[in-house]
PDB file of N, CA and C in Angstrom:
ATOM      1  N   MET A   1      28.802  73.306-130.558  1.00  0.00           N
ATOM      2  CA  MET A   1      29.122  74.555-129.897  1.00  0.00           C
ATOM      3  C   MET A   1      30.400  75.131-130.473  1.00  0.00           C
ATOM      4  N   SER A   2      30.471  76.423-130.488  1.00  0.00           N
ATOM      5  CA  SER A   2      31.690  77.077-130.930  1.00  0.00           C
ATOM      6  C   SER A   2      32.130  78.058-129.867  1.00  0.00           C
ATOM      7  N   ASN A   3      33.401  78.373-129.900  1.00  0.00           N
ATOM      8  CA  ASN A   3      33.913  79.320-128.920  1.00  0.00           C
ATOM      9  C   ASN A   3      33.676  80.738-129.409  1.00  0.00           C
ATOM     10  N   SER A   4      34.184  81.723-128.691  1.00  0.00           N
ATOM     11  CA  SER A   4      33.910  83.121-129.018  1.00  0.00           C
ATOM     12  C   SER A   4      34.512  83.535-130.361  1.00  0.00           C
ATOM     13  N   ALA A   5      35.546  82.856-130.828  1.00  0.00           N
ATOM     14  CA  ALA A   5      36.184  83.215-132.098  1.00  0.00           C
ATOM     15  C   ALA A   5      35.492  82.555-133.280  1.00  0.00           C
ATOM     16  N   GLY A   6      34.473  81.743-133.028  1.00  0.00           N
ATOM     17  CA  GLY A   6      33.764  81.094-134.105  1.00  0.00           C
ATOM     18  C   GLY A   6      34.394  79.802-134.567  1.00  0.00           C
ATOM     19  N   GLU A   7      35.377  79.283-133.826  1.00  0.00           N
ATOM     20  CA  GLU A   7      36.039  78.037-134.184  1.00  0.00           C
ATOM     21  C   GLU A   7      35.404  76.879-133.428  1.00  0.00           C
ATOM     22  N   THR A   8      35.555  75.710-133.970  1.00  0.00           N
ATOM     23  CA  THR A   8      35.049  74.530-133.266  1.00  0.00           C
ATOM     24  C   THR A   8      36.000  74.185-132.140  1.00  0.00           C
ATOM     25  N   PRO A   9      35.506  73.627-131.049  1.00  0.00           N
ATOM     26  CA  PRO A   9      36.395  73.292-129.928  1.00  0.00           C
ATOM     27  C   PRO A   9      37.336  72.153-130.291  1.00  0.00           C
ATOM     28  N   ASN A  10      38.471  72.143-129.654  1.00  0.00           N
ATOM     29  CA  ASN A  10      39.479  71.117-129.885  1.00  0.00           C
ATOM     30  C   ASN A  10      39.064  69.839-129.152  1.00  0.00           C
ATOM     31  N   THR A  11      38.980  68.739-129.861  1.00  0.00           N
ATOM     32  CA  THR A  11      38.663  67.466-129.214  1.00  0.00           C
ATOM     33  C   THR A  11      39.961  66.713-129.021  1.00  0.00           C
ATOM     34  N   SER A  12      40.214  66.255-127.822  1.00  0.00           N
ATOM     35  CA  SER A  12      41.440  65.526-127.530  1.00  0.00           C
ATOM     36  C   SER A  12      41.199  64.037-127.709  1.00  0.00           C
ATOM     37  N   PRO A  13      42.255  63.259-127.984  1.00  0.00           N
ATOM     38  CA  PRO A  13      42.093  61.822-128.249  1.00  0.00           C
ATOM     39  C   PRO A  13      41.489  61.049-127.090  1.00  0.00           C
ATOM     40  N   HIS A  14      41.703  61.502-125.855  1.00  0.00           N
ATOM     41  CA  HIS A  14      41.192  60.725-124.727  1.00  0.00           C
ATOM     42  C   HIS A  14      39.670  60.741-124.678  1.00  0.00           C
ATOM     43  N   GLU A  15      39.041  61.676-125.345  1.00  0.00           N
ATOM     44  CA  GLU A  15      37.580  61.709-125.370  1.00  0.00           C
ATOM     45  C   GLU A  15      37.012  60.668-126.336  1.00  0.00           C
ATOM     46  N   GLN A  16      37.838  60.140-127.222  1.00  0.00           N
ATOM     47  CA  GLN A  16      37.369  59.203-128.229  1.00  0.00           C
ATOM     48  C   GLN A  16      37.628  57.751-127.863  1.00  0.00           C
ATOM     49  N   GLN A  17      38.127  57.486-126.655  1.00  0.00           N
ATOM     50  CA  GLN A  17      38.411  56.118-126.238  1.00  0.00           C
ATOM     51  C   GLN A  17      37.112  55.394-125.912  1.00  0.00           C
ATOM     52  N   PRO A  18      37.075  54.097-126.138  1.00  0.00           N
ATOM     53  CA  PRO A  18      35.889  53.321-125.784  1.00  0.00           C
ATOM     54  C   PRO A  18      35.745  53.199-124.270  1.00  0.00           C
ATOM     55  N   ASP A  19      34.612  52.708-123.836  1.00  0.00           N
ATOM     56  CA  ASP A  19      34.360  52.533-122.412  1.00  0.00           C
ATOM     57  C   ASP A  19      35.431  51.659-121.783  1.00  0.00           C
ATOM     58  N   GLY A  20      35.793  51.939-120.551  1.00  0.00           N
ATOM     59  CA  GLY A  20      36.805  51.178-119.842  1.00  0.00           C
ATOM     60  C   GLY A  20      38.185  51.774-119.969  1.00  0.00           C
ATOM     61  N   GLY A  21      38.368  52.800-120.769  1.00  0.00           N
ATOM     62  CA  GLY A  21      39.660  53.459-120.888  1.00  0.00           C
ATOM     63  C   GLY A  21      40.656  52.732-121.758  1.00  0.00           C
ATOM     64  N   ALA A  22      40.255  51.654-122.418  1.00  0.00           N
ATOM     65  CA  ALA A  22      41.180  50.911-123.270  1.00  0.00           C
ATOM     66  C   ALA A  22      41.399  51.668-124.574  1.00  0.00           C
ATOM     67  N   ALA A  23      42.616  51.612-125.064  1.00  0.00           N
ATOM     68  CA  ALA A  23      42.920  52.264-126.323  1.00  0.00           C
ATOM     69  C   ALA A  23      42.274  51.488-127.460  1.00  0.00           C
ATOM     70  N   PRO A  24      41.848  52.153-128.499  1.00  0.00           N
ATOM     71  CA  PRO A  24      41.255  51.437-129.627  1.00  0.00           C
ATOM     72  C   PRO A  24      42.270  50.540-130.307  1.00  0.00           C
ATOM     73  N   GLU A  25      41.813  49.438-130.845  1.00  0.00           N
ATOM     74  CA  GLU A  25      42.698  48.479-131.491  1.00  0.00           C
ATOM     75  C   GLU A  25      43.173  49.043-132.824  1.00  0.00           C
ATOM     76  N   PRO A  26      44.479  48.940-133.117  1.00  0.00           N
ATOM     77  CA  PRO A  26      44.977  49.450-134.399  1.00  0.00           C
ATOM     78  C   PRO A  26      44.316  48.727-135.566  1.00  0.00           C
ATOM     79  N   ALA A  27      44.176  49.419-136.662  1.00  0.00           N
ATOM     80  CA  ALA A  27      43.491  48.856-137.821  1.00  0.00           C
ATOM     81  C   ALA A  27      44.276  47.694-138.435  1.00  0.00           C
ATOM     82  N   ALA A  28      45.601  47.702-138.323  1.00  0.00           N
ATOM     83  CA  ALA A  28      46.417  46.686-138.976  1.00  0.00           C
ATOM     84  C   ALA A  28      46.636  45.448-138.112  1.00  0.00           C
ATOM     85  N   SER A  29      46.100  45.415-136.908  1.00  0.00           N
ATOM     86  CA  SER A  29      46.326  44.244-136.061  1.00  0.00           C
ATOM     87  C   SER A  29      45.435  43.114-136.543  1.00  0.00           C
ATOM     88  N   GLY A  30      45.909  41.904-136.370  1.00  0.00           N
ATOM     89  CA  GLY A  30      45.115  40.779-136.834  1.00  0.00           C
ATOM     90  C   GLY A  30      45.892  39.495-136.771  1.00  0.00           C
ATOM     91  N   GLY A  31      45.524  38.605-137.655  1.00  0.00           N
ATOM     92  CA  GLY A  31      46.072  37.271-137.653  1.00  0.00           C
ATOM     93  C   GLY A  31      47.563  37.196-137.898  1.00  0.00           C
ATOM     94  N   ALA A  32      48.097  38.077-138.719  1.00  0.00           N
ATOM     95  CA  ALA A  32      49.526  38.005-139.045  1.00  0.00           C
ATOM     96  C   ALA A  32      50.380  38.238-137.805  1.00  0.00           C
ATOM     97  N   TYR A  33      50.005  39.224-136.992  1.00  0.00           N
ATOM     98  CA  TYR A  33      50.774  39.501-135.778  1.00  0.00           C
ATOM     99  C   TYR A  33      50.643  38.368-134.781  1.00  0.00           C
ATOM    100  N   ARG A  34      49.489  37.769-134.700  1.00  0.00           N
ATOM    101  CA  ARG A  34      49.296  36.655-133.772  1.00  0.00           C
ATOM    102  C   ARG A  34      50.110  35.447-134.203  1.00  0.00           C
ATOM    103  N   ILE A  35      50.206  35.205-135.487  1.00  0.00           N
ATOM    104  CA  ILE A  35      50.997  34.076-135.984  1.00  0.00           C
ATOM    105  C   ILE A  35      52.478  34.306-135.689  1.00  0.00           C
ATOM    106  N   VAL A  36      52.960  35.519-135.926  1.00  0.00           N
ATOM    107  CA  VAL A  36      54.366  35.837-135.644  1.00  0.00           C
ATOM    108  C   VAL A  36      54.640  35.697-134.146  1.00  0.00           C
ATOM    109  N   ALA A  37      53.734  36.183-133.309  1.00  0.00           N
ATOM    110  CA  ALA A  37      53.911  36.070-131.858  1.00  0.00           C
ATOM    111  C   ALA A  37      53.937  34.611-131.427  1.00  0.00           C
ATOM    112  N   LEU A  38      53.076  33.794-132.010  1.00  0.00           N
ATOM    113  CA  LEU A  38      53.041  32.377-131.672  1.00  0.00           C
ATOM    114  C   LEU A  38      54.331  31.682-132.089  1.00  0.00           C
ATOM    115  N   ILE A  39      54.831  31.999-133.261  1.00  0.00           N
ATOM    116  CA  ILE A  39      56.078  31.389-133.735  1.00  0.00           C
ATOM    117  C   ILE A  39      57.242  31.790-132.830  1.00  0.00           C
ATOM    118  N   LEU A  40      57.306  33.061-132.457  1.00  0.00           N
ATOM    119  CA  LEU A  40      58.376  33.509-131.564  1.00  0.00           C
ATOM    120  C   LEU A  40      58.270  32.859-130.193  1.00  0.00           C
ATOM    121  N   ALA A  41      57.052  32.680-129.691  1.00  0.00           N
ATOM    122  CA  ALA A  41      56.861  32.031-128.395  1.00  0.00           C
ATOM    123  C   ALA A  41      57.326  30.579-128.451  1.00  0.00           C
ATOM    124  N   VAL A  42      57.032  29.889-129.544  1.00  0.00           N
ATOM    125  CA  VAL A  42      57.462  28.501-129.694  1.00  0.00           C
ATOM    126  C   VAL A  42      58.988  28.422-129.743  1.00  0.00           C
ATOM    127  N   ILE A  43      59.618  29.352-130.440  1.00  0.00           N
ATOM    128  CA  ILE A  43      61.078  29.363-130.521  1.00  0.00           C
ATOM    129  C   ILE A  43      61.694  29.588-129.137  1.00  0.00           C
ATOM    130  N   VAL A  44      61.134  30.524-128.378  1.00  0.00           N
ATOM    131  CA  VAL A  44      61.663  30.816-127.045  1.00  0.00           C
ATOM    132  C   VAL A  44      61.488  29.619-126.119  1.00  0.00           C
ATOM    133  N   VAL A  45      60.327  28.986-126.148  1.00  0.00           N
ATOM    134  CA  VAL A  45      60.084  27.821-125.282  1.00  0.00           C
ATOM    135  C   VAL A  45      61.002  26.673-125.677  1.00  0.00           C
ATOM    136  N   ALA A  46      61.200  26.466-126.972  1.00  0.00           N
ATOM    137  CA  ALA A  46      62.091  25.402-127.425  1.00  0.00           C
ATOM    138  C   ALA A  46      63.531  25.677-126.987  1.00  0.00           C
ATOM    139  N   ALA A  47      63.971  26.922-127.068  1.00  0.00           N
ATOM    140  CA  ALA A  47      65.329  27.257-126.645  1.00  0.00           C
ATOM    141  C   ALA A  47      65.500  27.051-125.145  1.00  0.00           C
ATOM    142  N   LEU A  48      64.489  27.429-124.365  1.00  0.00           N
ATOM    143  CA  LEU A  48      64.561  27.211-122.921  1.00  0.00           C
ATOM    144  C   LEU A  48      64.601  25.728-122.580  1.00  0.00           C
ATOM    145  N   ALA A  49      63.781  24.935-123.256  1.00  0.00           N
ATOM    146  CA  ALA A  49      63.772  23.495-123.013  1.00  0.00           C
ATOM    147  C   ALA A  49      65.126  22.886-123.387  1.00  0.00           C
ATOM    148  N   TYR A  50      65.677  23.306-124.517  1.00  0.00           N
ATOM    149  CA  TYR A  50      66.991  22.807-124.934  1.00  0.00           C
ATOM    150  C   TYR A  50      68.045  23.147-123.883  1.00  0.00           C
ATOM    151  N   GLY A  51      68.027  24.375-123.393  1.00  0.00           N
ATOM    152  CA  GLY A  51      69.004  24.786-122.392  1.00  0.00           C
ATOM    153  C   GLY A  51      68.875  23.995-121.106  1.00  0.00           C
ATOM    154  N   LEU A  52      67.656  23.742-120.666  1.00  0.00           N
ATOM    155  CA  LEU A  52      67.457  22.949-119.451  1.00  0.00           C
ATOM    156  C   LEU A  52      67.924  21.511-119.627  1.00  0.00           C
ATOM    157  N   ILE A  53      67.595  20.912-120.754  1.00  0.00           N
ATOM    158  CA  ILE A  53      68.007  19.522-121.008  1.00  0.00           C
ATOM    159  C   ILE A  53      69.521  19.435-121.133  1.00  0.00           C
ATOM    160  N   ASP A  54      70.118  20.371-121.856  1.00  0.00           N
ATOM    161  CA  ASP A  54      71.573  20.372-122.021  1.00  0.00           C
ATOM    162  C   ASP A  54      72.280  20.550-120.674  1.00  0.00           C
ATOM    163  N   THR A  55      71.764  21.450-119.851  1.00  0.00           N
ATOM    164  CA  THR A  55      72.341  21.655-118.527  1.00  0.00           C
ATOM    165  C   THR A  55      72.192  20.412-117.662  1.00  0.00           C
ATOM    166  N   GLY A  56      71.038  19.769-117.747  1.00  0.00           N
ATOM    167  CA  GLY A  56      70.821  18.537-116.977  1.00  0.00           C
ATOM    168  C   GLY A  56      71.776  17.439-117.380  1.00  0.00           C
ATOM    169  N   ILE A  57      72.007  17.305-118.672  1.00  0.00           N
ATOM    170  CA  ILE A  57      72.932  16.268-119.167  1.00  0.00           C
ATOM    171  C   ILE A  57      74.365  16.578-118.685  1.00  0.00           C
ATOM    172  N   LYS A  58      74.770  17.829-118.787  1.00  0.00           N
ATOM    173  CA  LYS A  58      76.128  18.190-118.354  1.00  0.00           C
ATOM    174  C   LYS A  58      76.289  18.052-116.848  1.00  0.00           C
ATOM    175  N   ALA A  59      75.251  18.392-116.086  1.00  0.00           N
ATOM    176  CA  ALA A  59      75.331  18.259-114.623  1.00  0.00           C
ATOM    177  C   ALA A  59      75.368  16.782-114.220  1.00  0.00           C
ATOM    178  N   SER A  60      74.601  15.962-114.912  1.00  0.00           N
ATOM    179  CA  SER A  60      74.629  14.542-114.570  1.00  0.00           C
ATOM    180  C   SER A  60      75.964  13.902-114.942  1.00  0.00           C
ATOM    181  N   ALA A  61      76.623  14.424-115.960  1.00  0.00           N
ATOM    182  CA  ALA A  61      77.932  13.898-116.353  1.00  0.00           C
ATOM    183  C   ALA A  61      78.993  14.168-115.291  1.00  0.00           C
ATOM    184  N   LEU A  62      78.791  15.183-114.477  1.00  0.00           N
ATOM    185  CA  LEU A  62      79.747  15.487-113.430  1.00  0.00           C
ATOM    186  C   LEU A  62      79.741  14.425-112.320  1.00  0.00           C
ATOM    187  N   PHE A  63      78.607  13.765-112.156  1.00  0.00           N
ATOM    188  CA  PHE A  63      78.468  12.814-111.048  1.00  0.00           C
ATOM    189  C   PHE A  63      78.522  11.355-111.505  1.00  0.00           C
ATOM    190  N   THR A  64      78.812  11.128-112.758  1.00  0.00           N
ATOM    191  CA  THR A  64      78.950   9.743-113.247  1.00  0.00           C
ATOM    192  C   THR A  64      80.411   9.489-113.596  1.00  0.00           C
ATOM    193  N   LEU A  65      80.752   8.220-113.666  1.00  0.00           N
ATOM    194  CA  LEU A  65      82.144   7.844-113.980  1.00  0.00           C
ATOM    195  C   LEU A  65      82.424   7.811-115.435  1.00  0.00           C
TER     196      LEU A  65
END
């Protein structure tokens, strides 16, 4: 269909979304991003574990002779 000026109608991006309203997956997403995310998650968990263990050791030192 065309409008009165003979131009094609403007299609907005929301009409091109897949069912469920989810945004389409970017073309560059893949294994590399998942590997980086996994490595960062491991680093964060390791840092949290280190902090908890270090705090536990220092707290226990307060109550020992």
